[in-house]
Amino acid sequence: MADFLTVALVCAGTLAAPDCSRDTALDVAVAPAPTPMACLMQGETLAASSGLLRGSETYLKVACERRRTAALRPAAEAQ
């Protein structure tokens, strides 16, 4: 399983880069990545191949997130 997620955020050109997040983005594309370097490299490719960018009215912001996994507990502890 990949340890990272590439998150490609397509944000309105009028939105400041620090304010561009999953909540404020116009479009979000997410894909697994095995390493931080692979995460950064595939961000632009992910957005370009999906057709999410809309010329000069939007911009791309790529974020790499560590994948979160739920802690598994034995069934006896869960009760």
C-alpha atoms as a PDB file:
ATOM      1  CA  MET A   1       0.000   0.000   0.000  1.00  0.00           C
ATOM      2  CA  ALA A   2       1.198   3.495  -0.797  1.00  0.00           C
ATOM      3  CA  ASP A   3       2.153   5.591   2.219  1.00  0.00           C
ATOM      4  CA  PHE A   4       1.310   8.933   0.602  1.00  0.00           C
ATOM      5  CA  LEU A   5      -1.498  10.564  -1.319  1.00  0.00           C
ATOM      6  CA  THR A   6      -1.023  13.042  -4.123  1.00  0.00           C
ATOM      7  CA  VAL A   7      -3.691  15.713  -3.811  1.00  0.00           C
ATOM      8  CA  ALA A   8      -4.094  17.933  -6.880  1.00  0.00           C
ATOM      9  CA  LEU A   9      -6.157  21.020  -6.046  1.00  0.00           C
ATOM     10  CA  VAL A  10      -7.547  23.194  -8.821  1.00  0.00           C
ATOM     11  CA  CYS A  11      -8.272  26.608  -7.328  1.00  0.00           C
ATOM     12  CA  ALA A  12      -9.798  29.807  -8.669  1.00  0.00           C
ATOM     13  CA  GLY A  13      -7.207  32.319  -9.838  1.00  0.00           C
ATOM     14  CA  THR A  14      -8.675  34.857  -7.412  1.00  0.00           C
ATOM     15  CA  LEU A  15      -7.972  32.627  -4.389  1.00  0.00           C
ATOM     16  CA  ALA A  16      -4.663  33.159  -2.568  1.00  0.00           C
ATOM     17  CA  ALA A  17      -2.425  30.066  -2.610  1.00  0.00           C
ATOM     18  CA  PRO A  18      -2.348  29.693   1.218  1.00  0.00           C
ATOM     19  CA  ASP A  19      -6.163  29.604   1.186  1.00  0.00           C
ATOM     20  CA  CYS A  20      -6.348  26.848  -1.437  1.00  0.00           C
ATOM     21  CA  SER A  21      -7.355  23.624   0.328  1.00  0.00           C
ATOM     22  CA  ARG A  22      -9.570  20.590  -0.207  1.00  0.00           C
ATOM     23  CA  ASP A  23     -12.463  22.670   1.132  1.00  0.00           C
ATOM     24  CA  THR A  24     -11.944  25.711  -1.112  1.00  0.00           C
ATOM     25  CA  ALA A  25     -10.745  24.055  -4.324  1.00  0.00           C
ATOM     26  CA  LEU A  26     -12.953  23.955  -7.411  1.00  0.00           C
ATOM     27  CA  ASP A  27     -11.807  20.394  -8.156  1.00  0.00           C
ATOM     28  CA  VAL A  28      -9.776  17.830  -6.233  1.00  0.00           C
ATOM     29  CA  ALA A  29      -8.013  14.757  -7.618  1.00  0.00           C
ATOM     30  CA  VAL A  30      -6.375  12.213  -5.307  1.00  0.00           C
ATOM     31  CA  ALA A  31      -4.075   9.301  -6.149  1.00  0.00           C
ATOM     32  CA  PRO A  32      -1.811   7.007  -4.104  1.00  0.00           C
ATOM     33  CA  ALA A  33       1.947   7.557  -4.215  1.00  0.00           C
ATOM     34  CA  PRO A  34       4.707   5.313  -2.840  1.00  0.00           C
ATOM     35  CA  THR A  35       7.153   8.127  -1.947  1.00  0.00           C
ATOM     36  CA  PRO A  36       7.094  11.906  -1.416  1.00  0.00           C
ATOM     37  CA  MET A  37       9.095  12.419  -4.631  1.00  0.00           C
ATOM     38  CA  ALA A  38       6.635  10.345  -6.660  1.00  0.00           C
ATOM     39  CA  CYS A  39       3.825  12.315  -5.041  1.00  0.00           C
ATOM     40  CA  LEU A  40       5.189  15.644  -6.252  1.00  0.00           C
ATOM     41  CA  MET A  41       6.012  14.318  -9.705  1.00  0.00           C
ATOM     42  CA  GLN A  42       2.573  12.878 -10.375  1.00  0.00           C
ATOM     43  CA  GLY A  43       0.547  15.895  -9.169  1.00  0.00           C
ATOM     44  CA  GLU A  44       0.755  17.897 -12.389  1.00  0.00           C
ATOM     45  CA  THR A  45       0.273  14.791 -14.502  1.00  0.00           C
ATOM     46  CA  LEU A  46      -2.802  13.849 -12.504  1.00  0.00           C
ATOM     47  CA  ALA A  47      -4.419  17.244 -13.021  1.00  0.00           C
ATOM     48  CA  ALA A  48      -3.415  17.533 -16.682  1.00  0.00           C
ATOM     49  CA  SER A  49      -4.675  14.095 -17.656  1.00  0.00           C
ATOM     50  CA  SER A  50      -7.991  14.631 -15.887  1.00  0.00           C
ATOM     51  CA  GLY A  51      -8.708  17.874 -17.763  1.00  0.00           C
ATOM     52  CA  LEU A  52      -9.366  19.796 -14.547  1.00  0.00           C
ATOM     53  CA  LEU A  53      -7.364  22.928 -15.371  1.00  0.00           C
ATOM     54  CA  ARG A  54      -9.290  25.764 -17.006  1.00  0.00           C
ATOM     55  CA  GLY A  55      -6.686  28.045 -18.532  1.00  0.00           C
ATOM     56  CA  SER A  56      -5.698  31.254 -16.778  1.00  0.00           C
ATOM     57  CA  GLU A  57      -8.774  31.395 -14.547  1.00  0.00           C
ATOM     58  CA  THR A  58      -7.498  28.543 -12.348  1.00  0.00           C
ATOM     59  CA  TYR A  59      -4.187  27.298 -10.976  1.00  0.00           C
ATOM     60  CA  LEU A  60      -2.882  23.983  -9.693  1.00  0.00           C
ATOM     61  CA  LYS A  61      -1.649  23.367  -6.182  1.00  0.00           C
ATOM     62  CA  VAL A  62      -0.156  19.955  -5.392  1.00  0.00           C
ATOM     63  CA  ALA A  63      -0.079  18.649  -1.845  1.00  0.00           C
ATOM     64  CA  CYS A  64       1.359  15.404  -0.552  1.00  0.00           C
ATOM     65  CA  GLU A  65      -0.341  13.875   2.454  1.00  0.00           C
ATOM     66  CA  ARG A  66       0.636  10.912   4.541  1.00  0.00           C
ATOM     67  CA  ARG A  67      -2.047   8.259   4.257  1.00  0.00           C
ATOM     68  CA  ARG A  68      -3.993   7.810   7.472  1.00  0.00           C
ATOM     69  CA  THR A  69      -5.026   4.344   8.536  1.00  0.00           C
ATOM     70  CA  ALA A  70      -7.405   3.336  11.261  1.00  0.00           C
ATOM     71  CA  ALA A  71      -5.839   1.500  14.151  1.00  0.00           C
ATOM     72  CA  LEU A  72      -7.055  -2.057  14.282  1.00  0.00           C
ATOM     73  CA  ARG A  73      -8.029  -3.450  17.657  1.00  0.00           C
ATOM     74  CA  PRO A  74      -8.743  -7.081  18.519  1.00  0.00           C
ATOM     75  CA  ALA A  75     -12.482  -7.844  18.652  1.00  0.00           C
ATOM     76  CA  ALA A  76     -12.314  -8.515  22.422  1.00  0.00           C
ATOM     77  CA  GLU A  77     -11.082  -4.939  23.089  1.00  0.00           C
ATOM     78  CA  ALA A  78     -13.726  -3.340  20.870  1.00  0.00           C
ATOM     79  CA  GLN A  79     -16.579  -4.643  23.063  1.00  0.00           C
END
